[in-house]
Amino acid sequence: MQVKVKKIPIRYNKHRYQAGETFEIQQEHVKGIQNLVEIVSEETEEKSLEQMTVAELKEYAKSQDIEIGKTSKKEDILALIYETKRLNE
């Protein structure tokens, strides 16, 4: 999710963020600093498809209305997703 630093600089993942700066943070980490940041977007920066697990790819395909059927191999799911995206451009 995307958050914006309110007033006090914050360190997260070895980076320092000043007041007014936005950055990506995992949702479970927001709870500890929720009074120091404001949520800008609930959506997280998209993980590259190649970095996703098979389960994540299946969920992604479902959320994008991409029919993968009983496909279970990562490479095959990726191919279907890329092909569908290419056809929809």
Protein backbone atom coordinates (compact mmCIF):
# COMPACT_ATOMS: atom_id res chain seq x y z
CA MET A 1 0.00 0.00 0.00
CA GLN A 2 1.08 3.57 -0.57
CA VAL A 3 1.49 5.87 2.43
CA LYS A 4 2.53 9.48 2.93
CA VAL A 5 4.72 10.60 5.84
CA LYS A 6 2.89 13.13 8.04
CA LYS A 7 5.46 15.15 10.07
CA ILE A 8 8.28 13.04 11.47
CA PRO A 9 10.82 11.31 9.18
CA ILE A 10 10.42 7.53 9.05
CA ARG A 11 12.89 4.75 8.34
CA TYR A 12 11.50 1.78 6.43
CA ASN A 13 13.41 -0.93 4.58
CA LYS A 14 16.73 0.86 5.13
CA HIS A 15 15.42 4.13 3.61
CA ARG A 16 14.58 7.39 5.33
CA TYR A 17 11.40 9.17 4.21
CA GLN A 18 10.82 12.85 5.00
CA ALA A 19 7.51 14.56 5.74
CA GLY A 20 5.38 14.69 2.60
CA GLU A 21 7.14 11.81 0.87
CA THR A 22 5.18 8.74 -0.21
CA PHE A 23 6.39 5.16 -0.28
CA GLU A 24 5.21 1.56 -0.59
CA ILE A 25 4.75 -0.38 2.63
CA GLN A 26 3.38 -3.80 3.41
CA GLN A 27 -0.07 -3.56 4.93
CA GLU A 28 0.91 -5.48 8.07
CA HIS A 29 3.65 -2.91 8.81
CA VAL A 30 1.30 0.08 8.76
CA LYS A 31 -0.27 -0.88 12.08
CA GLY A 32 2.91 0.03 13.96
CA ILE A 33 3.24 3.49 12.39
CA GLN A 34 -0.36 4.38 11.55
CA ASN A 35 -0.19 7.63 13.54
CA LEU A 36 2.89 8.76 11.56
CA VAL A 37 1.55 8.19 8.04
CA GLU A 38 -1.62 8.62 6.05
CA ILE A 39 -2.76 5.97 3.61
CA VAL A 40 -2.68 7.28 0.06
CA SER A 41 -3.68 4.10 -1.73
CA GLU A 42 -4.76 0.67 -0.54
CA GLU A 43 -3.32 -0.87 -3.69
CA THR A 44 0.24 -2.05 -3.49
CA GLU A 45 2.72 -1.47 -6.22
CA GLU A 46 2.35 -4.38 -8.49
CA LYS A 47 4.82 -7.19 -7.99
CA SER A 48 6.18 -8.28 -11.32
CA LEU A 49 4.28 -11.27 -12.63
CA GLU A 50 7.50 -13.28 -12.73
CA GLN A 51 7.97 -12.71 -8.99
CA MET A 52 4.51 -14.03 -8.12
CA THR A 53 3.84 -17.53 -6.91
CA VAL A 54 1.42 -19.82 -8.77
CA ALA A 55 -1.27 -19.01 -6.19
CA GLU A 56 -0.69 -15.26 -6.61
CA LEU A 57 -0.79 -15.61 -10.40
CA LYS A 58 -4.08 -17.49 -10.21
CA GLU A 59 -5.53 -14.78 -7.96
CA TYR A 60 -4.21 -12.08 -10.30
CA ALA A 61 -5.73 -13.82 -13.32
CA LYS A 62 -9.06 -14.12 -11.50
CA SER A 63 -9.03 -10.43 -10.54
CA GLN A 64 -8.34 -9.50 -14.18
CA ASP A 65 -11.06 -11.84 -15.55
CA ILE A 66 -8.43 -13.94 -17.31
CA GLU A 67 -9.57 -17.53 -17.78
CA ILE A 68 -6.75 -19.98 -17.05
CA GLY A 69 -8.84 -23.13 -16.67
CA LYS A 70 -6.97 -25.95 -14.97
CA THR A 71 -3.54 -24.59 -15.91
CA SER A 72 -1.19 -25.17 -12.99
CA LYS A 73 2.33 -24.51 -14.28
CA LYS A 74 3.71 -21.05 -13.61
CA GLU A 75 5.08 -20.66 -17.14
CA ASP A 76 1.74 -21.61 -18.70
CA ILE A 77 -0.21 -19.23 -16.46
CA LEU A 78 2.22 -16.41 -17.31
CA ALA A 79 1.84 -17.14 -21.01
CA LEU A 80 -1.97 -16.96 -20.75
CA ILE A 81 -1.84 -13.70 -18.81
CA TYR A 82 0.61 -12.07 -21.23
CA GLU A 83 -1.35 -13.27 -24.25
CA THR A 84 -4.62 -11.93 -22.84
CA LYS A 85 -3.01 -8.58 -21.99
CA ARG A 86 -1.50 -8.36 -25.49
CA LEU A 87 -4.86 -9.05 -27.11
CA ASN A 88 -6.60 -6.43 -24.97
CA GLU A 89 -4.16 -3.62 -25.83
